[in-house]
N, C-alpha and C. Protein backbone atom coordinates (compact mmCIF):
# COMPACT_ATOMS: atom_id res chain seq x y z
N UNK A 1 22.82 13.66 -19.49
CA UNK A 1 24.42 12.50 -19.77
C UNK A 1 25.45 13.38 -20.85
N UNK A 2 23.90 13.23 -22.11
CA UNK A 2 24.92 13.81 -23.53
C UNK A 2 25.58 14.64 -23.77
N UNK A 3 25.26 15.27 -22.90
CA UNK A 3 25.71 16.75 -22.45
C UNK A 3 27.53 16.71 -22.64
N UNK A 4 27.47 15.90 -21.28
CA UNK A 4 28.64 15.99 -20.53
C UNK A 4 29.32 14.53 -21.15
N UNK A 5 28.83 14.12 -21.88
CA UNK A 5 29.91 13.17 -22.65
C UNK A 5 30.36 14.07 -24.20
N UNK A 6 29.15 14.37 -24.67
CA UNK A 6 30.50 15.59 -25.85
C UNK A 6 31.58 16.48 -25.70
N UNK A 7 31.20 17.04 -23.88
CA UNK A 7 32.00 17.95 -23.50
C UNK A 7 33.58 16.56 -23.21
N UNK A 8 33.48 15.58 -22.10
CA UNK A 8 34.16 15.00 -22.12
C UNK A 8 35.02 14.61 -23.75
N UNK A 9 35.11 14.30 -24.87
CA UNK A 9 35.26 14.66 -26.02
C UNK A 9 35.83 14.81 -26.44
N UNK A 10 34.81 16.09 -26.58
CA UNK A 10 35.60 17.38 -27.26
C UNK A 10 37.33 17.66 -26.57
N UNK A 11 37.08 16.96 -25.41
CA UNK A 11 38.60 18.02 -24.79
C UNK A 11 39.27 16.46 -24.95
N UNK A 12 38.81 15.38 -25.11
CA UNK A 12 40.03 14.64 -25.45
C UNK A 12 40.43 14.79 -27.21
N UNK A 13 39.44 14.95 -27.77
CA UNK A 13 39.53 15.05 -29.38
C UNK A 13 40.76 16.45 -29.09
N UNK A 14 40.61 17.00 -28.73
CA UNK A 14 42.26 18.48 -28.61
C UNK A 14 42.93 18.10 -27.24
N UNK A 15 42.66 16.72 -26.95
CA UNK A 15 43.30 16.04 -26.14
C UNK A 15 44.67 17.42 -24.79
N UNK A 16 43.49 17.72 -24.49
CA UNK A 16 43.22 18.64 -22.80
C UNK A 16 42.81 18.07 -21.75
N UNK A 17 43.58 19.05 -21.11
CA UNK A 17 43.67 17.77 -19.69
C UNK A 17 41.98 19.29 -18.70
N UNK A 18 42.27 18.20 -17.64
CA UNK A 18 41.54 19.00 -16.71
C UNK A 18 42.30 20.27 -15.73
N UNK A 19 43.30 19.86 -15.61
CA UNK A 19 44.39 20.62 -15.58
C UNK A 19 44.12 22.41 -16.31
N UNK A 20 44.59 21.82 -17.68
CA UNK A 20 43.75 23.17 -18.85
C UNK A 20 42.37 24.17 -18.28
N UNK A 21 41.17 22.14 -18.09
CA UNK A 21 40.04 23.59 -18.68
C UNK A 21 39.81 24.08 -16.90
N UNK A 22 41.23 23.36 -15.49
CA UNK A 22 40.20 24.42 -14.41
C UNK A 22 41.50 25.60 -14.42
N UNK A 23 42.64 26.22 -15.34
CA UNK A 23 42.69 27.29 -15.52
C UNK A 23 42.54 28.32 -16.42
N UNK A 24 41.59 27.68 -17.11
CA UNK A 24 40.73 28.53 -17.96
C UNK A 24 39.27 28.55 -17.43
N UNK A 25 38.45 27.88 -16.84
CA UNK A 25 37.77 28.36 -15.97
C UNK A 25 37.61 28.60 -15.08
N UNK A 26 39.15 29.02 -14.03
CA UNK A 26 39.37 30.41 -13.36
C UNK A 26 39.64 31.72 -14.16
N UNK A 27 40.26 31.46 -15.18
CA UNK A 27 41.06 32.62 -15.96
C UNK A 27 39.87 33.26 -16.51
N UNK A 28 39.22 32.61 -17.54
CA UNK A 28 38.10 33.32 -18.83
C UNK A 28 36.06 33.20 -17.62
N UNK A 29 36.12 32.27 -16.54
CA UNK A 29 34.64 32.39 -16.06
C UNK A 29 34.43 32.41 -14.55
N UNK A 30 36.00 32.66 -14.09
CA UNK A 30 36.54 33.28 -12.47
C UNK A 30 35.55 31.52 -12.51
N UNK A 31 35.14 31.04 -12.21
CA UNK A 31 34.75 29.73 -11.69
C UNK A 31 36.56 28.80 -11.10
N UNK A 32 36.29 28.48 -9.82
CA UNK A 32 37.30 28.78 -9.19
C UNK A 32 36.90 26.78 -8.23
N UNK A 33 38.07 26.45 -8.84
CA UNK A 33 37.08 24.96 -8.71
C UNK A 33 38.51 23.48 -8.32
N UNK A 34 38.52 22.52 -8.79
CA UNK A 34 39.46 21.74 -8.81
C UNK A 34 39.49 20.48 -9.33
N UNK A 35 40.52 19.64 -9.59
CA UNK A 35 40.01 18.08 -10.37
C UNK A 35 39.19 17.24 -9.65
N UNK A 36 38.95 16.93 -8.73
CA UNK A 36 38.13 16.12 -8.02
C UNK A 36 36.67 16.38 -8.53
N UNK A 37 36.44 17.65 -7.79
CA UNK A 37 35.31 18.98 -8.05
C UNK A 37 34.89 19.32 -9.14
N UNK A 38 36.16 18.70 -10.52
CA UNK A 38 35.40 19.06 -12.40
C UNK A 38 35.37 17.55 -12.42
N UNK A 39 35.96 16.66 -12.22
CA UNK A 39 35.84 15.20 -12.46
C UNK A 39 34.52 14.79 -11.74
N UNK A 40 33.94 15.01 -10.46
CA UNK A 40 32.52 14.83 -10.50
C UNK A 40 31.19 15.58 -11.40
N UNK A 41 31.54 16.19 -11.62
CA UNK A 41 31.10 16.98 -12.51
C UNK A 41 30.55 16.32 -13.77
N UNK A 42 31.98 15.55 -14.21
CA UNK A 42 31.71 15.29 -15.87
C UNK A 42 31.04 13.44 -15.59
N UNK A 43 31.58 12.96 -14.66
CA UNK A 43 31.12 11.57 -14.73
C UNK A 43 29.74 11.88 -13.85
N UNK A 44 28.60 13.23 -13.91
CA UNK A 44 28.40 13.66 -13.66
C UNK A 44 27.06 12.91 -11.63
N UNK A 45 28.27 12.42 -11.08
CA UNK A 45 28.14 12.84 -9.78
C UNK A 45 27.79 13.57 -8.87
N UNK A 46 28.43 15.08 -9.51
CA UNK A 46 28.16 16.02 -8.86
C UNK A 46 26.98 17.23 -9.34
N UNK A 47 25.83 17.95 -9.01
CA UNK A 47 24.87 18.69 -9.85
C UNK A 47 24.82 19.83 -8.91
N UNK A 48 24.53 20.89 -9.11
CA UNK A 48 23.81 21.54 -8.91
C UNK A 48 24.73 23.47 -9.53
N UNK A 49 24.18 24.24 -8.66
CA UNK A 49 24.64 25.35 -9.72
C UNK A 49 25.76 25.50 -10.83
N UNK A 50 26.92 24.98 -8.96
CA UNK A 50 28.24 25.02 -9.38
C UNK A 50 28.76 24.62 -10.42
N UNK A 51 28.35 23.05 -10.74
CA UNK A 51 28.22 22.05 -11.60
C UNK A 51 27.27 22.72 -12.98
N UNK A 52 26.61 23.27 -12.60
CA UNK A 52 26.10 23.85 -13.63
C UNK A 52 26.81 25.05 -14.55
N UNK A 53 27.38 25.98 -14.30
CA UNK A 53 28.51 27.16 -13.67
C UNK A 53 29.49 25.99 -15.14
N UNK A 54 30.20 25.18 -14.43
CA UNK A 54 31.15 24.52 -14.44
C UNK A 54 31.27 24.05 -16.37
N UNK A 55 29.70 23.59 -16.05
CA UNK A 55 29.92 22.93 -17.74
C UNK A 55 29.15 24.07 -18.65
N UNK A 56 28.42 24.74 -18.72
CA UNK A 56 28.30 26.14 -19.12
C UNK A 56 29.53 26.75 -19.81
N UNK A 57 30.72 27.25 -18.93
CA UNK A 57 31.73 27.73 -19.15
C UNK A 57 32.25 27.55 -19.81
N UNK A 58 32.34 25.69 -19.99
CA UNK A 58 33.18 24.96 -20.49
C UNK A 58 32.42 24.59 -21.28
N UNK A 59 31.87 24.80 -22.29
CA UNK A 59 31.35 24.48 -23.42
C UNK A 59 31.49 26.33 -24.24
N UNK A 60 31.62 27.47 -23.62
CA UNK A 60 31.95 28.77 -24.31
C UNK A 60 33.73 28.27 -24.25
N UNK A 61 34.02 27.60 -23.15
CA UNK A 61 35.94 27.65 -23.25
C UNK A 61 36.49 27.28 -24.79
N UNK A 62 35.59 25.50 -25.20
CA UNK A 62 35.82 25.32 -25.92
C UNK A 62 35.41 25.32 -27.04
N UNK A 63 34.65 26.42 -27.69
CA UNK A 63 34.27 27.22 -28.35
C UNK A 63 35.41 27.66 -28.56
N UNK A 64 35.51 29.28 -28.23
CA UNK A 64 36.25 30.11 -28.49
C UNK A 64 37.93 29.35 -28.67
N UNK A 65 38.26 27.96 -27.81
CA UNK A 65 39.27 27.15 -28.97
C UNK A 65 39.22 26.78 -29.47
N UNK A 66 38.08 26.36 -30.02
CA UNK A 66 38.12 25.41 -31.39
C UNK A 66 38.35 26.66 -32.87
N UNK A 67 37.55 27.94 -32.10
CA UNK A 67 37.94 28.60 -33.40
C UNK A 67 38.62 29.78 -33.13
N UNK A 68 39.72 28.69 -32.45
CA UNK A 68 41.39 29.31 -32.50
C UNK A 68 41.54 30.59 -31.33
N UNK A 69 40.44 30.91 -30.33
CA UNK A 69 40.36 31.85 -29.68
C UNK A 69 41.73 31.41 -28.11
N UNK A 70 41.42 30.29 -27.55
CA UNK A 70 42.07 30.29 -27.11
C UNK A 70 43.90 29.55 -27.35
N UNK A 71 44.61 30.13 -26.31
CA UNK A 71 46.02 28.81 -27.07
C UNK A 71 46.12 27.68 -25.63
N UNK A 72 46.70 26.99 -26.02
CA UNK A 72 47.33 26.46 -24.96
C UNK A 72 49.05 25.95 -25.02
N UNK A 73 49.55 26.79 -24.08
CA UNK A 73 50.94 27.41 -23.54
C UNK A 73 51.84 26.09 -22.87
N UNK A 74 52.63 26.12 -23.47
CA UNK A 74 53.57 25.21 -23.09
C UNK A 74 54.86 25.65 -21.85
N UNK A 75 54.59 24.67 -21.26
CA UNK A 75 55.78 25.07 -20.10
C UNK A 75 57.17 24.84 -20.04
């Protein structure tokens, strides 16, 4: 659960939304998901292989973002 809290804090720190994350999960990790599923995963109410994939891929995406490898584009 601490890992999920850390990820939520990192998203909040950088002002990144779940919508942005869902797009990155699809583009960078090939993980197809929606806001309800992502919210459940980070609330700790959804577990399993897909939840694990979302968490692990999110960690890689955030690491890349923090190193300047991922951009946030404004429409």
